């Protein structure tokens, strides 16, 4: 089991594409540590990772995470606390966060774009030189940890930056993860066709850069071939700032398909049968596992009326996908 926690909706950035702007009814909501402790107690050593995002996790005080780490250590579960943060508060106050980031059970991932959408405020962009300064400061202050990987959100407007982002990851000696935009929050009407994303993965592989981009290097070893074996909603729980529980981080962002309690194991497809597949023809298509591997993607394509456009795009990329499958 992996647990996603979103301690707060608050963030010190103003990114134009943010998908996590409606995590809770009140900005003041903060996830209670007791809600997290219940998961540690229930799953014990089977709770492999607690993924911390938000909002930005560093809008909470370090003591919040130090108390959680202390609880995990006393429970002897060896659960890893995996942060995804813009690292801005660390950049401004590095010594404040060193005790958390240097902890043996902590890993850190950050985020970066090469366009004007990742904003410190409405008038200031997080540029490449500032981002490199943040990475260099992390290396200096937290030498016992590897250089953080970084996530980039891909839209039609910035798709031309993908290869340069992977080259930057290589330059920094780390890895990036190119995620197509999630249709929630400020991006609720935005969508990036999966077929175009596979074309980008193919270009990355063709340039010999696959080892520096997470999806290109890992994706084709983990996709299931069985439509009844899509079990992400069995192995993930998501806690929102108000303590509500979901089986998917993206559906948590939408506050849709909420579970009744920590013991509720209802599957997504039992809450909404329309999530089984995009259309009936998918069941005989060799691309089933790509197009229907994510319940939120199915939901977004249907909600936005993009199913046929997606289908046409994926079939046009069949050759590229076959090459990627070949390793």
Protein backbone atom coordinates (compact mmCIF):
# COMPACT_ATOMS: atom_id res chain seq x y z
CA UNK A 1 0.00 0.00 0.00
CA UNK A 2 1.12 3.53 -0.82
CA UNK A 3 -0.49 6.53 0.85
CA UNK A 4 -0.69 9.99 -0.72
CA UNK A 5 -1.10 12.74 1.84
CA UNK A 6 -1.99 16.34 1.05
CA UNK A 7 -1.50 18.10 4.38
CA UNK A 8 -2.62 21.50 3.09
CA UNK A 9 -4.04 23.19 0.01
CA UNK A 10 -1.82 26.21 0.66
CA UNK A 11 1.04 26.89 -1.75
CA UNK A 12 3.67 29.60 -2.10
CA UNK A 13 3.66 29.36 -5.91
CA UNK A 14 1.08 30.56 -8.45
CA UNK A 15 1.44 28.00 -11.27
CA UNK A 16 -1.12 28.58 -14.01
CA UNK A 17 -1.73 24.86 -14.67
CA UNK A 18 -2.13 23.69 -11.04
CA UNK A 19 -4.46 20.71 -10.73
CA UNK A 20 -4.65 20.81 -6.91
CA UNK A 21 -6.48 24.04 -6.16
CA UNK A 22 -9.68 22.50 -4.77
CA UNK A 23 -8.41 19.89 -2.35
CA UNK A 24 -10.65 21.02 0.48
CA UNK A 25 -13.54 23.36 1.21
CA UNK A 26 -11.37 25.57 3.42
CA UNK A 27 -7.84 26.84 2.78
CA UNK A 28 -7.28 26.61 6.54
CA UNK A 29 -7.79 22.81 6.60
CA UNK A 30 -4.74 20.83 7.70
CA UNK A 31 -4.53 17.05 7.66
CA UNK A 32 -4.43 15.65 11.19
CA UNK A 33 -1.43 13.47 12.00
CA UNK A 34 -3.82 11.08 13.71
CA UNK A 35 -5.44 10.35 10.33
CA UNK A 36 -2.04 9.32 8.99
CA UNK A 37 -1.18 7.32 12.11
CA UNK A 38 -4.29 5.19 11.49
CA UNK A 39 -2.83 4.06 8.17
CA UNK A 40 0.56 3.32 9.74
CA UNK A 41 -1.19 1.21 12.39
CA UNK A 42 -3.47 -0.58 9.91
CA UNK A 43 -0.90 -1.47 7.25
CA UNK A 44 2.34 -1.62 9.24
CA UNK A 45 5.31 -2.65 7.10
CA UNK A 46 2.99 -3.08 4.10
CA UNK A 47 2.74 0.71 3.96
CA UNK A 48 5.75 1.16 1.70
CA UNK A 49 5.61 4.86 0.93
CA UNK A 50 3.81 7.98 2.12
CA UNK A 51 3.86 10.40 -0.81
CA UNK A 52 3.67 13.98 0.42
CA UNK A 53 2.35 16.68 -1.90
CA UNK A 54 -0.41 19.25 -1.78
CA UNK A 55 -0.48 22.33 -1.98
CA UNK A 56 3.18 22.54 -1.17
CA UNK A 57 4.26 20.30 1.72
CA UNK A 58 6.68 22.93 3.02
CA UNK A 59 3.77 25.20 3.92
CA UNK A 60 3.55 23.01 7.03
CA UNK A 61 6.14 23.27 9.79
CA UNK A 62 9.05 20.78 9.89
CA UNK A 63 7.79 19.46 13.25
CA UNK A 64 4.74 18.04 11.51
CA UNK A 65 6.95 15.70 9.48
CA UNK A 66 9.44 15.04 12.27
CA UNK A 67 6.57 13.88 14.47
CA UNK A 68 5.33 11.62 11.67
CA UNK A 69 8.82 10.20 11.11
CA UNK A 70 9.16 9.56 14.84
CA UNK A 71 5.85 7.64 14.81
CA UNK A 72 6.98 5.58 11.80
CA UNK A 73 10.28 4.72 13.47
CA UNK A 74 8.58 3.68 16.70
CA UNK A 75 6.20 1.50 14.67
CA UNK A 76 9.26 -0.02 12.95
CA UNK A 77 7.57 -0.05 9.53
CA UNK A 78 10.43 1.56 7.54
CA UNK A 79 7.83 3.51 5.56
CA UNK A 80 9.49 6.12 3.32
CA UNK A 81 8.24 9.71 3.32
CA UNK A 82 8.52 10.83 -0.32
CA UNK A 83 8.17 14.59 -0.75
CA UNK A 84 7.14 16.33 -3.94
CA UNK A 85 7.78 20.03 -3.32
CA UNK A 86 8.81 23.16 -5.17
CA UNK A 87 11.57 23.52 -2.52
CA UNK A 88 11.02 27.28 -2.36
CA UNK A 89 10.79 27.47 1.44
CA UNK A 90 13.90 25.30 1.61
CA UNK A 91 15.65 27.73 -0.74
CA UNK A 92 14.74 30.66 1.51
CA UNK A 93 15.29 28.80 4.82
CA UNK A 94 17.51 25.78 4.14
CA UNK A 95 18.56 25.02 7.70
CA UNK A 96 14.91 24.83 8.72
CA UNK A 97 14.40 21.76 6.50
CA UNK A 98 17.74 19.94 6.79
CA UNK A 99 16.61 17.76 9.75
CA UNK A 100 13.65 16.52 7.68
CA UNK A 101 15.35 16.08 4.30
CA UNK A 102 18.44 14.40 5.72
CA UNK A 103 16.39 11.79 7.59
CA UNK A 104 17.08 8.21 6.50
CA UNK A 105 13.40 7.61 5.65
CA UNK A 106 12.94 10.68 3.45
CA UNK A 107 13.26 11.16 -0.31
CA UNK A 108 12.75 14.43 -2.17
CA UNK A 109 11.40 15.18 -5.65
CA UNK A 110 10.85 18.67 -7.01
CA UNK A 111 9.32 20.28 -10.10
CA UNK A 112 10.34 22.53 -12.96
CA UNK A 113 9.14 23.86 -16.31
CA UNK A 114 10.98 25.57 -19.17
CA UNK A 115 8.06 27.86 -19.95
CA UNK A 116 6.32 30.67 -18.08
CA UNK A 117 3.71 28.56 -16.24
CA UNK A 118 5.59 27.68 -13.03
CA UNK A 119 5.39 30.97 -11.20
CA UNK A 120 6.74 32.08 -7.84
CA UNK A 121 4.05 34.73 -7.97
CA UNK A 122 1.92 36.25 -10.71
CA UNK A 123 4.83 38.34 -12.00
CA UNK A 124 7.86 36.12 -11.38
CA UNK A 125 8.71 32.90 -13.20
CA UNK A 126 10.87 30.16 -11.72
CA UNK A 127 13.63 30.34 -14.32
CA UNK A 128 16.34 27.82 -15.12
CA UNK A 129 19.15 29.62 -13.29
CA UNK A 130 17.10 29.88 -10.09
CA UNK A 131 16.11 26.23 -10.35
CA UNK A 132 19.76 25.17 -10.72
CA UNK A 133 20.61 27.32 -7.68
CA UNK A 134 17.95 25.45 -5.67
CA UNK A 135 19.41 22.11 -6.77
CA UNK A 136 22.95 23.20 -5.91
CA UNK A 137 21.84 24.39 -2.47
CA UNK A 138 20.13 21.05 -1.84
CA UNK A 139 23.33 19.20 -2.74
CA UNK A 140 25.30 21.42 -0.37
CA UNK A 141 22.91 21.24 2.56
CA UNK A 142 21.73 17.62 2.20
CA UNK A 143 24.85 15.80 0.93
CA UNK A 144 23.62 12.38 2.09
CA UNK A 145 20.78 12.43 -0.45
CA UNK A 146 20.83 12.13 -4.26
CA UNK A 147 20.03 15.08 -6.49
CA UNK A 148 16.22 15.39 -6.51
CA UNK A 149 14.36 14.15 -9.55
CA UNK A 150 11.99 16.74 -11.01
CA UNK A 151 8.49 16.56 -12.48
CA UNK A 152 7.40 18.64 -15.47
CA UNK A 153 3.77 19.11 -16.52
CA UNK A 154 3.34 18.89 -20.30
CA UNK A 155 0.69 20.82 -22.23
CA UNK A 156 0.29 21.61 -25.92
CA UNK A 157 1.82 25.02 -25.34
CA UNK A 158 5.07 23.71 -23.84
CA UNK A 159 5.49 20.33 -25.57
CA UNK A 160 8.42 21.74 -27.55
CA UNK A 161 10.44 21.93 -24.28
CA UNK A 162 10.32 18.20 -23.51
CA UNK A 163 13.69 17.20 -24.94
CA UNK A 164 15.38 20.18 -23.33
CA UNK A 165 13.93 19.16 -19.96
CA UNK A 166 15.40 15.67 -20.35
CA UNK A 167 18.73 17.17 -21.40
CA UNK A 168 18.63 19.33 -18.27
CA UNK A 169 18.08 16.23 -16.15
CA UNK A 170 21.14 14.67 -17.77
CA UNK A 171 23.15 17.83 -17.15
CA UNK A 172 22.18 17.78 -13.47
CA UNK A 173 22.87 14.06 -13.12
CA UNK A 174 19.29 13.24 -12.21
CA UNK A 175 16.00 12.16 -13.82
CA UNK A 176 12.88 14.05 -14.86
CA UNK A 177 9.32 12.79 -15.16
CA UNK A 178 7.22 14.27 -17.95
CA UNK A 179 3.57 14.13 -16.88
CA UNK A 180 0.87 15.18 -19.31
CA UNK A 181 -1.43 17.75 -17.73
CA UNK A 182 -4.15 16.42 -15.40
CA UNK A 183 -7.63 17.72 -16.17
CA UNK A 184 -8.41 19.02 -12.69
CA UNK A 185 -8.10 22.31 -10.80
CA UNK A 186 -6.98 25.21 -13.01
CA UNK A 187 -6.47 22.70 -15.83
CA UNK A 188 -9.94 21.13 -15.63
CA UNK A 189 -10.64 21.92 -19.29
CA UNK A 190 -7.12 21.19 -20.47
CA UNK A 191 -6.00 17.90 -21.97
CA UNK A 192 -2.91 16.50 -23.69
CA UNK A 193 -3.55 13.56 -26.00
CA UNK A 194 -1.78 10.41 -24.87
CA UNK A 195 -0.77 9.58 -28.44
CA UNK A 196 1.25 12.78 -28.61
CA UNK A 197 2.89 11.89 -25.30
CA UNK A 198 4.04 8.56 -26.73
CA UNK A 199 5.52 10.41 -29.70
CA UNK A 200 7.56 12.44 -27.21
CA UNK A 201 8.71 9.27 -25.41
CA UNK A 202 9.81 7.89 -28.78
CA UNK A 203 11.88 11.01 -29.51
CA UNK A 204 13.51 10.78 -26.08
CA UNK A 205 14.44 7.15 -26.68
CA UNK A 206 15.69 7.89 -30.21
CA UNK A 207 18.09 10.50 -28.81
CA UNK A 208 19.46 8.01 -26.28
CA UNK A 209 18.03 9.90 -23.32
CA UNK A 210 15.59 7.29 -21.97
CA UNK A 211 17.54 6.76 -18.74
CA UNK A 212 16.92 10.42 -17.81
CA UNK A 213 13.13 10.37 -18.19
CA UNK A 214 11.11 8.20 -15.81
CA UNK A 215 8.17 7.25 -18.03
CA UNK A 216 10.31 6.41 -21.06
CA UNK A 217 12.55 4.16 -18.99
CA UNK A 218 9.88 2.42 -16.90
CA UNK A 219 6.48 2.58 -18.53
CA UNK A 220 6.69 -0.40 -20.86
CA UNK A 221 7.74 -2.81 -18.14
CA UNK A 222 4.74 -2.17 -15.89
CA UNK A 223 1.63 -1.89 -18.08
CA UNK A 224 -0.83 -4.71 -17.56
CA UNK A 225 -2.26 -6.70 -20.45
CA UNK A 226 -5.39 -7.65 -18.53
CA UNK A 227 -8.37 -5.29 -18.28
CA UNK A 228 -9.34 -6.85 -14.95
CA UNK A 229 -5.88 -6.38 -13.44
CA UNK A 230 -5.82 -2.59 -13.26
CA UNK A 231 -5.46 -2.50 -9.52
CA UNK A 232 -4.02 0.94 -8.76
CA UNK A 233 -7.12 1.71 -6.69
CA UNK A 234 -6.39 -1.31 -4.48
CA UNK A 235 -2.84 -0.27 -3.66
CA UNK A 236 -3.21 3.49 -3.20
CA UNK A 237 -5.09 5.69 -0.75
CA UNK A 238 -5.14 9.47 -0.75
CA UNK A 239 -5.79 11.68 2.28
CA UNK A 240 -7.01 15.23 1.65
CA UNK A 241 -6.42 18.16 4.03
CA UNK A 242 -9.86 17.62 5.60
CA UNK A 243 -9.14 13.92 6.23
CA UNK A 244 -11.34 12.57 3.43
CA UNK A 245 -10.08 9.40 1.74
CA UNK A 246 -9.87 8.53 -1.97
CA UNK A 247 -8.29 5.74 -4.02
CA UNK A 248 -6.71 8.10 -6.55
CA UNK A 249 -4.81 11.36 -6.13
CA UNK A 250 -6.41 12.92 -9.21
CA UNK A 251 -9.94 11.99 -8.16
CA UNK A 252 -9.03 13.37 -4.74
CA UNK A 253 -8.19 16.66 -6.46
CA UNK A 254 -11.71 16.57 -7.89
CA UNK A 255 -13.21 15.32 -4.61
CA UNK A 256 -14.96 12.59 -6.52
CA UNK A 257 -15.47 8.90 -5.57
CA UNK A 258 -14.81 9.41 -1.87
CA UNK A 259 -14.42 6.36 0.38
CA UNK A 260 -16.50 6.10 3.55
CA UNK A 261 -13.65 5.13 5.87
CA UNK A 262 -10.17 3.65 6.11
CA UNK A 263 -11.75 0.17 5.92
CA UNK A 264 -13.79 0.91 2.77
CA UNK A 265 -12.27 -1.12 -0.09
CA UNK A 266 -14.84 -0.26 -2.80
CA UNK A 267 -13.27 -0.33 -6.26
CA UNK A 268 -13.62 2.65 -8.60
CA UNK A 269 -15.37 0.61 -11.28
CA UNK A 270 -17.96 -0.42 -8.70
CA UNK A 271 -18.65 3.25 -7.99
CA UNK A 272 -18.89 4.14 -11.67
CA UNK A 273 -19.15 1.46 -14.34
CA UNK A 274 -18.32 3.97 -17.07
CA UNK A 275 -14.70 3.82 -15.87
CA UNK A 276 -14.26 0.24 -17.13
CA UNK A 277 -13.14 1.36 -20.59
CA UNK A 278 -13.38 4.25 -23.03
CA UNK A 279 -15.71 2.39 -25.42
CA UNK A 280 -16.76 -1.20 -26.08
CA UNK A 281 -14.45 -1.51 -29.11
CA UNK A 282 -11.47 -1.14 -26.76
CA UNK A 283 -11.88 -4.71 -25.53
CA UNK A 284 -10.58 -6.10 -28.85
CA UNK A 285 -7.92 -3.45 -29.51
CA UNK A 286 -4.25 -4.21 -28.89
CA UNK A 287 -3.87 -0.70 -27.42
CA UNK A 288 -6.37 -1.42 -24.63
CA UNK A 289 -3.73 -1.45 -21.92
CA UNK A 290 -2.39 1.97 -22.93
CA UNK A 291 -5.68 3.79 -23.42
CA UNK A 292 -7.49 2.25 -20.46
CA UNK A 293 -4.67 1.90 -17.95
CA UNK A 294 -5.73 4.95 -15.91
CA UNK A 295 -9.25 5.43 -14.57
CA UNK A 296 -8.82 9.19 -14.34
CA UNK A 297 -7.74 9.40 -17.98
CA UNK A 298 -10.87 7.46 -18.98
CA UNK A 299 -12.99 9.83 -16.91
CA UNK A 300 -11.33 12.97 -18.35
CA UNK A 301 -11.61 11.85 -21.98
CA UNK A 302 -15.30 11.08 -21.58
CA UNK A 303 -16.03 14.29 -19.66
CA UNK A 304 -14.26 16.43 -22.25
CA UNK A 305 -15.73 14.57 -25.25
CA UNK A 306 -12.27 13.57 -26.52
CA UNK A 307 -12.66 9.78 -26.81
CA UNK A 308 -12.72 9.58 -30.62
CA UNK A 309 -9.95 12.16 -31.00
CA UNK A 310 -7.84 10.16 -28.54
CA UNK A 311 -8.60 6.87 -30.34
CA UNK A 312 -7.61 8.26 -33.74
CA UNK A 313 -4.41 9.74 -32.30
CA UNK A 314 -3.36 6.50 -30.60
CA UNK A 315 -3.97 4.37 -33.67
CA UNK A 316 -1.91 6.78 -35.75
CA UNK A 317 0.98 6.25 -33.29
CA UNK A 318 0.72 2.42 -33.35
CA UNK A 319 4.10 2.04 -35.05
CA UNK A 320 5.90 4.23 -32.51
CA UNK A 321 4.31 2.37 -29.60
CA UNK A 322 5.33 -0.97 -31.12
CA UNK A 323 8.94 0.28 -31.34
CA UNK A 324 8.85 1.42 -27.72
CA UNK A 325 7.51 -1.97 -26.64
CA UNK A 326 10.44 -3.61 -28.35
CA UNK A 327 12.90 -2.04 -25.90
